[in-house]
Amino acid sequence: PEVDPTRVGASRDAEVERVLALGATVVDDLRQPDGKGWVVLADPAG
Protein backbone atom coordinates (compact mmCIF):
# COMPACT_ATOMS: atom_id res chain seq x y z
CA PRO A 1 0.00 0.00 0.00
CA GLU A 2 2.91 2.39 0.50
CA VAL A 3 5.95 3.52 -1.41
CA ASP A 4 9.36 3.47 0.26
CA PRO A 5 10.70 6.93 -0.65
CA THR A 6 14.33 5.80 -0.46
CA ARG A 7 14.27 3.74 -3.66
CA VAL A 8 11.98 2.42 -6.37
CA GLY A 9 10.80 -1.12 -5.71
CA ALA A 10 11.89 -1.16 -2.05
CA SER A 11 8.43 -1.74 -0.60
CA ARG A 12 7.73 -4.51 -3.12
CA ASP A 13 11.03 -6.16 -2.23
CA ALA A 14 10.32 -5.91 1.51
CA GLU A 15 6.91 -7.54 1.01
CA VAL A 16 8.48 -10.34 -1.05
CA GLU A 17 10.91 -11.03 1.80
CA ARG A 18 8.09 -10.90 4.36
CA VAL A 19 5.89 -13.45 2.56
CA LEU A 20 8.90 -15.70 1.92
CA ALA A 21 9.47 -15.74 5.69
CA LEU A 22 5.80 -16.75 6.11
CA GLY A 23 6.30 -19.83 3.93
CA ALA A 24 5.89 -18.66 0.32
CA THR A 25 8.35 -19.80 -2.34
CA VAL A 26 9.67 -17.99 -5.43
CA VAL A 27 8.33 -19.35 -8.73
CA ASP A 28 9.82 -16.65 -11.00
CA ASP A 29 11.65 -13.42 -10.20
CA LEU A 30 10.92 -10.85 -12.90
CA ARG A 31 12.33 -7.79 -11.10
CA GLN A 32 14.50 -5.55 -13.23
CA PRO A 33 17.55 -3.49 -12.20
CA ASP A 34 15.56 -0.23 -12.64
CA GLY A 35 13.02 -1.36 -9.98
CA LYS A 36 10.30 -2.40 -12.41
CA GLY A 37 8.87 -5.89 -12.61
CA TRP A 38 7.34 -8.32 -10.14
CA VAL A 39 7.91 -11.62 -8.37
CA VAL A 40 5.75 -14.70 -8.91
CA LEU A 41 5.45 -16.65 -5.66
CA ALA A 42 3.57 -19.71 -4.48
CA ASP A 43 1.72 -20.04 -1.19
CA PRO A 44 2.37 -23.15 0.95
CA ALA A 45 -0.25 -25.07 -1.10
CA GLY A 46 1.49 -24.17 -4.38
All heavy atoms as atom14 arrays in JSON, in Angstrom:
{
  "sequence": "PEVDPTRVGASRDAEVERVLALGATVVDDLRQPDGKGWVVLADPAG",
  "atom14_mask": [
    [1, 1, 1, 1, 1, 1, 1, 0, 0, 0, 0, 0, 0, 0],
    [1, 1, 1, 1, 1, 1, 1, 1, 1, 0, 0, 0, 0, 0],
    [1, 1, 1, 1, 1, 1, 1, 0, 0, 0, 0, 0, 0, 0],
    [1, 1, 1, 1, 1, 1, 1, 1, 0, 0, 0, 0, 0, 0],
    [1, 1, 1, 1, 1, 1, 1, 0, 0, 0, 0, 0, 0, 0],
    [1, 1, 1, 1, 1, 1, 1, 0, 0, 0, 0, 0, 0, 0],
    [1, 1, 1, 1, 1, 1, 1, 1, 1, 1, 1, 0, 0, 0],
    [1, 1, 1, 1, 1, 1, 1, 0, 0, 0, 0, 0, 0, 0],
    [1, 1, 1, 1, 0, 0, 0, 0, 0, 0, 0, 0, 0, 0],
    [1, 1, 1, 1, 1, 0, 0, 0, 0, 0, 0, 0, 0, 0],
    [1, 1, 1, 1, 1, 1, 0, 0, 0, 0, 0, 0, 0, 0],
    [1, 1, 1, 1, 1, 1, 1, 1, 1, 1, 1, 0, 0, 0],
    [1, 1, 1, 1, 1, 1, 1, 1, 0, 0, 0, 0, 0, 0],
    [1, 1, 1, 1, 1, 0, 0, 0, 0, 0, 0, 0, 0, 0],
    [1, 1, 1, 1, 1, 1, 1, 1, 1, 0, 0, 0, 0, 0],
    [1, 1, 1, 1, 1, 1, 1, 0, 0, 0, 0, 0, 0, 0],
    [1, 1, 1, 1, 1, 1, 1, 1, 1, 0, 0, 0, 0, 0],
    [1, 1, 1, 1, 1, 1, 1, 1, 1, 1, 1, 0, 0, 0],
    [1, 1, 1, 1, 1, 1, 1, 0, 0, 0, 0, 0, 0, 0],
    [1, 1, 1, 1, 1, 1, 1, 1, 0, 0, 0, 0, 0, 0],
    [1, 1, 1, 1, 1, 0, 0, 0, 0, 0, 0, 0, 0, 0],
    [1, 1, 1, 1, 1, 1, 1, 1, 0, 0, 0, 0, 0, 0],
    [1, 1, 1, 1, 0, 0, 0, 0, 0, 0, 0, 0, 0, 0],
    [1, 1, 1, 1, 1, 0, 0, 0, 0, 0, 0, 0, 0, 0],
    [1, 1, 1, 1, 1, 1, 1, 0, 0, 0, 0, 0, 0, 0],
    [1, 1, 1, 1, 1, 1, 1, 0, 0, 0, 0, 0, 0, 0],
    [1, 1, 1, 1, 1, 1, 1, 0, 0, 0, 0, 0, 0, 0],
    [1, 1, 1, 1, 1, 1, 1, 1, 0, 0, 0, 0, 0, 0],
    [1, 1, 1, 1, 1, 1, 1, 1, 0, 0, 0, 0, 0, 0],
    [1, 1, 1, 1, 1, 1, 1, 1, 0, 0, 0, 0, 0, 0],
    [1, 1, 1, 1, 1, 1, 1, 1, 1, 1, 1, 0, 0, 0],
    [1, 1, 1, 1, 1, 1, 1, 1, 1, 0, 0, 0, 0, 0],
    [1, 1, 1, 1, 1, 1, 1, 0, 0, 0, 0, 0, 0, 0],
    [1, 1, 1, 1, 1, 1, 1, 1, 0, 0, 0, 0, 0, 0],
    [1, 1, 1, 1, 0, 0, 0, 0, 0, 0, 0, 0, 0, 0],
    [1, 1, 1, 1, 1, 1, 1, 1, 1, 0, 0, 0, 0, 0],
    [1, 1, 1, 1, 0, 0, 0, 0, 0, 0, 0, 0, 0, 0],
    [1, 1, 1, 1, 1, 1, 1, 1, 1, 1, 1, 1, 1, 1],
    [1, 1, 1, 1, 1, 1, 1, 0, 0, 0, 0, 0, 0, 0],
    [1, 1, 1, 1, 1, 1, 1, 0, 0, 0, 0, 0, 0, 0],
    [1, 1, 1, 1, 1, 1, 1, 1, 0, 0, 0, 0, 0, 0],
    [1, 1, 1, 1, 1, 0, 0, 0, 0, 0, 0, 0, 0, 0],
    [1, 1, 1, 1, 1, 1, 1, 1, 0, 0, 0, 0, 0, 0],
    [1, 1, 1, 1, 1, 1, 1, 0, 0, 0, 0, 0, 0, 0],
    [1, 1, 1, 1, 1, 0, 0, 0, 0, 0, 0, 0, 0, 0],
    [1, 1, 1, 1, 0, 0, 0, 0, 0, 0, 0, 0, 0, 0]
  ],
  "atom14_positions": [
    [[0.79, -1.23, 0.0], [0.0, 0.0, 0.0], [0.82, 1.27, 0.0], [0.32, 2.33, -0.33], [-0.82, -0.11, 1.29], [0.02, -0.96, 2.17], [0.73, -1.92, 1.27], [0.0, 0.0, 0.0], [0.0, 0.0, 0.0], [0.0, 0.0, 0.0], [0.0, 0.0, 0.0], [0.0, 0.0, 0.0], [0.0, 0.0, 0.0], [0.0, 0.0, 0.0]],
    [[2.09, 1.18, 0.35], [2.91, 2.39, 0.5], [4.18, 2.29, -0.33], [4.69, 1.21, -0.58], [3.29, 2.59, 1.97], [2.11, 2.67, 2.89], [2.53, 2.63, 4.35], [3.73, 2.52, 4.64], [1.63, 2.7, 5.19], [0.0, 0.0, 0.0], [0.0, 0.0, 0.0], [0.0, 0.0, 0.0], [0.0, 0.0, 0.0], [0.0, 0.0, 0.0]],
    [[4.7, 3.44, -0.68], [5.95, 3.52, -1.41], [7.07, 3.86, -0.44], [6.92, 4.75, 0.39], [5.87, 4.6, -2.51], [7.21, 4.77, -3.19], [4.8, 4.26, -3.53], [0.0, 0.0, 0.0], [0.0, 0.0, 0.0], [0.0, 0.0, 0.0], [0.0, 0.0, 0.0], [0.0, 0.0, 0.0], [0.0, 0.0, 0.0], [0.0, 0.0, 0.0]],
    [[8.17, 3.14, -0.52], [9.36, 3.47, 0.26], [10.06, 4.6, -0.5], [10.52, 4.39, -1.62], [10.27, 2.25, 0.37], [11.51, 2.51, 1.2], [11.98, 3.67, 1.26], [12.02, 1.55, 1.79], [0.0, 0.0, 0.0], [0.0, 0.0, 0.0], [0.0, 0.0, 0.0], [0.0, 0.0, 0.0], [0.0, 0.0, 0.0], [0.0, 0.0, 0.0]],
    [[10.14, 5.8, 0.09], [10.7, 6.93, -0.65], [12.2, 6.83, -0.92], [12.74, 7.58, -1.71], [10.39, 8.13, 0.26], [10.27, 7.53, 1.63], [9.73, 6.15, 1.43], [0.0, 0.0, 0.0], [0.0, 0.0, 0.0], [0.0, 0.0, 0.0], [0.0, 0.0, 0.0], [0.0, 0.0, 0.0], [0.0, 0.0, 0.0], [0.0, 0.0, 0.0]],
    [[12.88, 5.88, -0.29], [14.33, 5.8, -0.46], [14.76, 5.19, -1.78], [15.81, 5.49, -2.29], [14.98, 5.02, 0.7], [14.46, 3.69, 0.71], [14.71, 5.71, 2.03], [0.0, 0.0, 0.0], [0.0, 0.0, 0.0], [0.0, 0.0, 0.0], [0.0, 0.0, 0.0], [0.0, 0.0, 0.0], [0.0, 0.0, 0.0], [0.0, 0.0, 0.0]],
    [[13.92, 4.3, -2.34], [14.27, 3.74, -3.66], [13.08, 3.03, -4.29], [12.23, 2.47, -3.6], [15.47, 2.8, -3.57], [15.22, 1.5, -2.9], [16.51, 0.66, -2.91], [16.31, -0.55, -2.16], [15.79, -1.67, -2.66], [15.45, -1.72, -3.92], [15.63, -2.73, -1.92], [0.0, 0.0, 0.0], [0.0, 0.0, 0.0], [0.0, 0.0, 0.0]],
    [[13.05, 3.07, -5.61], [11.98, 2.42, -6.37], [12.03, 0.92, -6.14], [13.1, 0.31, -6.18], [12.13, 2.74, -7.88], [11.13, 1.93, -8.7], [11.93, 4.22, -8.12], [0.0, 0.0, 0.0], [0.0, 0.0, 0.0], [0.0, 0.0, 0.0], [0.0, 0.0, 0.0], [0.0, 0.0, 0.0], [0.0, 0.0, 0.0], [0.0, 0.0, 0.0]],
    [[10.88, 0.32, -5.88], [10.8, -1.12, -5.71], [11.07, -1.61, -4.3], [10.9, -2.79, -4.02], [0.0, 0.0, 0.0], [0.0, 0.0, 0.0], [0.0, 0.0, 0.0], [0.0, 0.0, 0.0], [0.0, 0.0, 0.0], [0.0, 0.0, 0.0], [0.0, 0.0, 0.0], [0.0, 0.0, 0.0], [0.0, 0.0, 0.0], [0.0, 0.0, 0.0]],
    [[11.49, -0.72, -3.39], [11.89, -1.16, -2.05], [10.73, -1.78, -1.28], [10.9, -2.81, -0.62], [12.49, 0.0, -1.27], [0.0, 0.0, 0.0], [0.0, 0.0, 0.0], [0.0, 0.0, 0.0], [0.0, 0.0, 0.0], [0.0, 0.0, 0.0], [0.0, 0.0, 0.0], [0.0, 0.0, 0.0], [0.0, 0.0, 0.0], [0.0, 0.0, 0.0]],
    [[9.55, -1.19, -1.35], [8.43, -1.74, -0.6], [7.98, -3.08, -1.18], [7.61, -3.98, -0.44], [7.27, -0.74, -0.52], [6.89, -0.32, -1.79], [0.0, 0.0, 0.0], [0.0, 0.0, 0.0], [0.0, 0.0, 0.0], [0.0, 0.0, 0.0], [0.0, 0.0, 0.0], [0.0, 0.0, 0.0], [0.0, 0.0, 0.0], [0.0, 0.0, 0.0]],
    [[8.04, -3.23, -2.49], [7.73, -4.51, -3.12], [8.72, -5.57, -2.63], [8.33, -6.67, -2.23], [7.8, -4.4, -4.64], [7.62, -5.73, -5.36], [8.3, -5.8, -6.73], [9.7, -5.45, -6.62], [10.37, -4.81, -7.58], [9.79, -4.47, -8.7], [11.64, -4.53, -7.42], [0.0, 0.0, 0.0], [0.0, 0.0, 0.0], [0.0, 0.0, 0.0]],
    [[9.99, -5.22, -2.63], [11.03, -6.16, -2.23], [10.88, -6.56, -0.76], [11.06, -7.72, -0.4], [12.41, -5.58, -2.5], [12.65, -5.34, -3.98], [11.9, -5.88, -4.82], [13.59, -4.59, -4.3], [0.0, 0.0, 0.0], [0.0, 0.0, 0.0], [0.0, 0.0, 0.0], [0.0, 0.0, 0.0], [0.0, 0.0, 0.0], [0.0, 0.0, 0.0]],
    [[10.53, -5.61, 0.09], [10.32, -5.91, 1.51], [9.14, -6.86, 1.69], [9.2, -7.78, 2.52], [10.1, -4.62, 2.29], [0.0, 0.0, 0.0], [0.0, 0.0, 0.0], [0.0, 0.0, 0.0], [0.0, 0.0, 0.0], [0.0, 0.0, 0.0], [0.0, 0.0, 0.0], [0.0, 0.0, 0.0], [0.0, 0.0, 0.0], [0.0, 0.0, 0.0]],
    [[8.08, -6.65, 0.92], [6.91, -7.54, 1.01], [7.25, -8.94, 0.5], [6.78, -9.94, 1.05], [5.72, -6.96, 0.26], [5.07, -5.82, 1.01], [4.57, -6.24, 2.39], [3.73, -7.17, 2.49], [5.04, -5.66, 3.37], [0.0, 0.0, 0.0], [0.0, 0.0, 0.0], [0.0, 0.0, 0.0], [0.0, 0.0, 0.0], [0.0, 0.0, 0.0]],
    [[8.05, -9.03, -0.55], [8.48, -10.34, -1.05], [9.22, -11.07, 0.06], [8.94, -12.24, 0.35], [9.35, -10.21, -2.32], [10.05, -11.52, -2.64], [8.51, -9.75, -3.5], [0.0, 0.0, 0.0], [0.0, 0.0, 0.0], [0.0, 0.0, 0.0], [0.0, 0.0, 0.0], [0.0, 0.0, 0.0], [0.0, 0.0, 0.0], [0.0, 0.0, 0.0]],
    [[10.15, -10.41, 0.71], [10.91, -11.03, 1.8], [9.99, -11.45, 2.95], [10.16, -12.51, 3.55], [12.02, -10.11, 2.29], [13.11, -9.87, 1.26], [13.72, -11.16, 0.71], [14.03, -12.08, 1.5], [13.86, -11.28, -0.53], [0.0, 0.0, 0.0], [0.0, 0.0, 0.0], [0.0, 0.0, 0.0], [0.0, 0.0, 0.0], [0.0, 0.0, 0.0]],
    [[9.01, -10.62, 3.25], [8.09, -10.9, 4.36], [7.27, -12.16, 4.07], [7.15, -13.05, 4.92], [7.17, -9.7, 4.61], [6.31, -9.84, 5.86], [5.49, -8.59, 6.09], [4.41, -8.45, 5.14], [3.24, -9.09, 5.23], [3.01, -9.92, 6.23], [2.3, -8.91, 4.32], [0.0, 0.0, 0.0], [0.0, 0.0, 0.0], [0.0, 0.0, 0.0]],
    [[6.7, -12.28, 2.86], [5.89, -13.45, 2.56], [6.74, -14.71, 2.38], [6.28, -15.81, 2.66], [4.9, -13.24, 1.38], [3.87, -12.19, 1.72], [5.61, -12.94, 0.1], [0.0, 0.0, 0.0], [0.0, 0.0, 0.0], [0.0, 0.0, 0.0], [0.0, 0.0, 0.0], [0.0, 0.0, 0.0], [0.0, 0.0, 0.0], [0.0, 0.0, 0.0]],
    [[7.99, -14.55, 1.96], [8.9, -15.7, 1.92], [9.12, -16.23, 3.33], [9.11, -17.44, 3.56], [10.23, -15.32, 1.27], [10.21, -15.13, -0.25], [11.54, -14.57, -0.72], [9.87, -16.43, -0.96], [0.0, 0.0, 0.0], [0.0, 0.0, 0.0], [0.0, 0.0, 0.0], [0.0, 0.0, 0.0], [0.0, 0.0, 0.0], [0.0, 0.0, 0.0]],
    [[9.28, -15.33, 4.29], [9.47, -15.74, 5.69], [8.23, -16.43, 6.25], [8.33, -17.25, 7.17], [9.85, -14.53, 6.55], [0.0, 0.0, 0.0], [0.0, 0.0, 0.0], [0.0, 0.0, 0.0], [0.0, 0.0, 0.0], [0.0, 0.0, 0.0], [0.0, 0.0, 0.0], [0.0, 0.0, 0.0], [0.0, 0.0, 0.0], [0.0, 0.0, 0.0]],
    [[7.04, -16.12, 5.68], [5.8, -16.75, 6.11], [5.6, -18.15, 5.52], [4.72, -18.87, 5.94], [4.59, -15.87, 5.73], [4.49, -14.52, 6.42], [3.37, -13.7, 5.8], [4.27, -14.71, 7.92], [0.0, 0.0, 0.0], [0.0, 0.0, 0.0], [0.0, 0.0, 0.0], [0.0, 0.0, 0.0], [0.0, 0.0, 0.0], [0.0, 0.0, 0.0]],
    [[6.41, -18.5, 4.52], [6.3, -19.83, 3.93], [6.07, -19.85, 2.43], [5.93, -20.93, 1.85], [0.0, 0.0, 0.0], [0.0, 0.0, 0.0], [0.0, 0.0, 0.0], [0.0, 0.0, 0.0], [0.0, 0.0, 0.0], [0.0, 0.0, 0.0], [0.0, 0.0, 0.0], [0.0, 0.0, 0.0], [0.0, 0.0, 0.0], [0.0, 0.0, 0.0]],
    [[6.02, -18.69, 1.78], [5.89, -18.66, 0.32], [7.21, -19.1, -0.31], [8.25, -19.1, 0.35], [5.53, -17.24, -0.15], [0.0, 0.0, 0.0], [0.0, 0.0, 0.0], [0.0, 0.0, 0.0], [0.0, 0.0, 0.0], [0.0, 0.0, 0.0], [0.0, 0.0, 0.0], [0.0, 0.0, 0.0], [0.0, 0.0, 0.0], [0.0, 0.0, 0.0]],
    [[7.15, -19.46, -1.58], [8.35, -19.8, -2.34], [8.35, -19.01, -3.65], [7.29, -18.66, -4.17], [8.43, -21.3, -2.67], [7.24, -21.69, -3.35], [8.58, -22.13, -1.4], [0.0, 0.0, 0.0], [0.0, 0.0, 0.0], [0.0, 0.0, 0.0], [0.0, 0.0, 0.0], [0.0, 0.0, 0.0], [0.0, 0.0, 0.0], [0.0, 0.0, 0.0]],
    [[9.55, -18.73, -4.17], [9.67, -17.99, -5.43], [9.47, -18.96, -6.59], [10.1, -20.01, -6.66], [11.05, -17.31, -5.55], [11.22, -16.68, -6.93], [11.22, -16.25, -4.46], [0.0, 0.0, 0.0], [0.0, 0.0, 0.0], [0.0, 0.0, 0.0], [0.0, 0.0, 0.0], [0.0, 0.0, 0.0], [0.0, 0.0, 0.0], [0.0, 0.0, 0.0]],
    [[8.56, -18.59, -7.5], [8.33, -19.35, -8.73], [9.14, -18.72, -9.86], [9.79, -19.41, -10.63], [6.83, -19.39, -9.09], [6.6, -20.04, -10.44], [6.05, -20.1, -8.0], [0.0, 0.0, 0.0], [0.0, 0.0, 0.0], [0.0, 0.0, 0.0], [0.0, 0.0, 0.0], [0.0, 0.0, 0.0], [0.0, 0.0, 0.0], [0.0, 0.0, 0.0]],
    [[9.11, -17.38, -9.95], [9.82, -16.65, -11.0], [10.07, -15.24, -10.52], [9.14, -14.56, -10.07], [9.01, -16.65, -12.29], [9.84, -16.35, -13.52], [11.08, -16.21, -13.41], [9.25, -16.27, -14.62], [0.0, 0.0, 0.0], [0.0, 0.0, 0.0], [0.0, 0.0, 0.0], [0.0, 0.0, 0.0], [0.0, 0.0, 0.0], [0.0, 0.0, 0.0]],
    [[11.29, -14.78, -10.61], [11.65, -13.42, -10.2], [11.84, -12.58, -11.45], [12.8, -12.77, -12.2], [12.93, -13.44, -9.36], [13.2, -12.12, -8.68], [12.74, -11.07, -9.17], [13.89, -12.13, -7.64], [0.0, 0.0, 0.0], [0.0, 0.0, 0.0], [0.0, 0.0, 0.0], [0.0, 0.0, 0.0], [0.0, 0.0, 0.0], [0.0, 0.0, 0.0]],
    [[10.9, -11.67, -11.69], [10.92, -10.85, -12.9], [11.25, -9.39, -12.58], [10.92, -8.5, -13.36], [9.57, -10.97, -13.61], [9.22, -12.41, -14.03], [7.77, -12.52, -14.44], [10.14, -12.86, -15.15], [0.0, 0.0, 0.0], [0.0, 0.0, 0.0], [0.0, 0.0, 0.0], [0.0, 0.0, 0.0], [0.0, 0.0, 0.0], [0.0, 0.0, 0.0]],
    [[11.91, -9.15, -11.44], [12.33, -7.79, -11.1], [13.47, -7.38, -12.01], [14.31, -8.19, -12.4], [12.79, -7.73, -9.63], [11.63, -7.88, -8.66], [12.11, -7.88, -7.23], [12.65, -9.19, -6.89], [12.92, -9.58, -5.66], [12.71, -8.76, -4.63], [13.4, -10.78, -5.42], [0.0, 0.0, 0.0], [0.0, 0.0, 0.0], [0.0, 0.0, 0.0]],
    [[13.48, -6.1, -12.35], [14.5, -5.55, -13.23], [15.39, -4.6, -12.45], [14.98, -4.06, -11.43], [13.83, -4.83, -14.4], [12.95, -5.75, -15.23], [12.13, -5.0, -16.26], [12.38, -3.84, -16.56], [11.13, -5.67, -16.8], [0.0, 0.0, 0.0], [0.0, 0.0, 0.0], [0.0, 0.0, 0.0], [0.0, 0.0, 0.0], [0.0, 0.0, 0.0]],
    [[16.63, -4.36, -12.93], [17.55, -3.49, -12.2], [17.01, -2.08, -11.95], [17.38, -1.43, -10.97], [18.78, -3.44, -13.1], [18.72, -4.69, -13.9], [17.25, -4.97, -14.09], [0.0, 0.0, 0.0], [0.0, 0.0, 0.0], [0.0, 0.0, 0.0], [0.0, 0.0, 0.0], [0.0, 0.0, 0.0], [0.0, 0.0, 0.0], [0.0, 0.0, 0.0]],
    [[16.1, -1.58, -12.81], [15.56, -0.23, -12.64], [14.4, -0.19, -11.63], [13.77, 0.85, -11.44], [15.12, 0.36, -13.97], [13.96, -0.39, -14.63], [13.48, -1.4, -14.05], [13.54, 0.02, -15.72], [0.0, 0.0, 0.0], [0.0, 0.0, 0.0], [0.0, 0.0, 0.0], [0.0, 0.0, 0.0], [0.0, 0.0, 0.0], [0.0, 0.0, 0.0]],
    [[14.09, -1.33, -10.98], [13.02, -1.36, -9.98], [11.68, -1.82, -10.52], [10.76, -2.06, -9.77], [0.0, 0.0, 0.0], [0.0, 0.0, 0.0], [0.0, 0.0, 0.0], [0.0, 0.0, 0.0], [0.0, 0.0, 0.0], [0.0, 0.0, 0.0], [0.0, 0.0, 0.0], [0.0, 0.0, 0.0], [0.0, 0.0, 0.0], [0.0, 0.0, 0.0]],
    [[11.56, -1.93, -11.83], [10.3, -2.4, -12.41], [10.2, -3.92, -12.26], [11.14, -4.58, -11.85], [10.22, -1.99, -13.88], [10.14, -0.49, -14.07], [10.07, -0.11, -15.52], [10.01, 1.4, -15.65], [10.09, 1.82, -17.04], [0.0, 0.0, 0.0], [0.0, 0.0, 0.0], [0.0, 0.0, 0.0], [0.0, 0.0, 0.0], [0.0, 0.0, 0.0]],
    [[9.05, -4.45, -12.64], [8.87, -5.89, -12.61], [8.16, -6.37, -11.36], [7.68, -5.59, -10.55], [0.0, 0.0, 0.0], [0.0, 0.0, 0.0], [0.0, 0.0, 0.0], [0.0, 0.0, 0.0], [0.0, 0.0, 0.0], [0.0, 0.0, 0.0], [0.0, 0.0, 0.0], [0.0, 0.0, 0.0], [0.0, 0.0, 0.0], [0.0, 0.0, 0.0]],
    [[8.09, -7.69, -11.22], [7.34, -8.32, -10.14], [7.97, -9.67, -9.82], [8.86, -10.14, -10.51], [5.88, -8.48, -10.53], [5.67, -9.33, -11.74], [5.46, -10.69, -11.77], [5.68, -8.91, -13.1], [5.31, -11.13, -13.06], [5.45, -10.05, -13.91], [5.86, -7.68, -13.74], [5.41, -9.99, -15.29], [5.82, -7.63, -15.11], [5.59, -8.78, -15.88]],
    [[7.46, -10.29, -8.77], [7.91, -11.62, -8.37], [6.69, -12.53, -8.32], [5.67, -12.17, -7.72], [8.61, -11.59, -7.0], [9.09, -13.0, -6.62], [9.79, -10.62, -7.01], [0.0, 0.0, 0.0], [0.0, 0.0, 0.0], [0.0, 0.0, 0.0], [0.0, 0.0, 0.0], [0.0, 0.0, 0.0], [0.0, 0.0, 0.0], [0.0, 0.0, 0.0]],
    [[6.8, -13.67, -8.98], [5.75, -14.7, -8.91], [6.15, -15.63, -7.76], [7.26, -16.16, -7.73], [5.65, -15.5, -10.22], [4.53, -16.54, -10.13], [5.43, -14.57, -11.41], [0.0, 0.0, 0.0], [0.0, 0.0, 0.0], [0.0, 0.0, 0.0], [0.0, 0.0, 0.0], [0.0, 0.0, 0.0], [0.0, 0.0, 0.0], [0.0, 0.0, 0.0]],
    [[5.22, -15.8, -6.83], [5.45, -16.65, -5.66], [4.39, -17.72, -5.61], [3.39, -17.65, -6.34], [5.41, -15.8, -4.39], [6.48, -14.71, -4.33], [5.88, -13.41, -3.87], [7.61, -15.12, -3.45], [0.0, 0.0, 0.0], [0.0, 0.0, 0.0], [0.0, 0.0, 0.0], [0.0, 0.0, 0.0], [0.0, 0.0, 0.0], [0.0, 0.0, 0.0]],
    [[4.58, -18.7, -4.74], [3.57, -19.71, -4.48], [3.32, -19.76, -2.98], [4.26, -19.67, -2.18], [4.02, -21.08, -4.98], [0.0, 0.0, 0.0], [0.0, 0.0, 0.0], [0.0, 0.0, 0.0], [0.0, 0.0, 0.0], [0.0, 0.0, 0.0], [0.0, 0.0, 0.0], [0.0, 0.0, 0.0], [0.0, 0.0, 0.0], [0.0, 0.0, 0.0]],
    [[2.05, -19.88, -2.61], [1.72, -20.04, -1.19], [2.09, -21.47, -0.76], [2.53, -22.26, -1.6], [0.25, -19.68, -0.93], [-0.76, -20.65, -1.52], [-0.4, -21.79, -1.88], [-1.94, -20.27, -1.63], [0.0, 0.0, 0.0], [0.0, 0.0, 0.0], [0.0, 0.0, 0.0], [0.0, 0.0, 0.0], [0.0, 0.0, 0.0], [0.0, 0.0, 0.0]],
    [[1.96, -21.81, 0.51], [2.37, -23.15, 0.95], [1.63, -24.3, 0.26], [2.13, -25.42, 0.25], [2.06, -23.13, 2.45], [2.23, -21.69, 2.84], [1.68, -20.93, 1.66], [0.0, 0.0, 0.0], [0.0, 0.0, 0.0], [0.0, 0.0, 0.0], [0.0, 0.0, 0.0], [0.0, 0.0, 0.0], [0.0, 0.0, 0.0], [0.0, 0.0, 0.0]],
    [[0.47, -24.03, -0.36], [-0.25, -25.07, -1.1], [0.13, -25.1, -2.58], [-0.4, -25.89, -3.34], [-1.76, -24.87, -0.95], [0.0, 0.0, 0.0], [0.0, 0.0, 0.0], [0.0, 0.0, 0.0], [0.0, 0.0, 0.0], [0.0, 0.0, 0.0], [0.0, 0.0, 0.0], [0.0, 0.0, 0.0], [0.0, 0.0, 0.0], [0.0, 0.0, 0.0]],
    [[1.03, -24.19, -2.99], [1.49, -24.17, -4.38], [0.72, -23.23, -5.29], [0.98, -23.18, -6.49], [0.0, 0.0, 0.0], [0.0, 0.0, 0.0], [0.0, 0.0, 0.0], [0.0, 0.0, 0.0], [0.0, 0.0, 0.0], [0.0, 0.0, 0.0], [0.0, 0.0, 0.0], [0.0, 0.0, 0.0], [0.0, 0.0, 0.0], [0.0, 0.0, 0.0]]
  ]
}
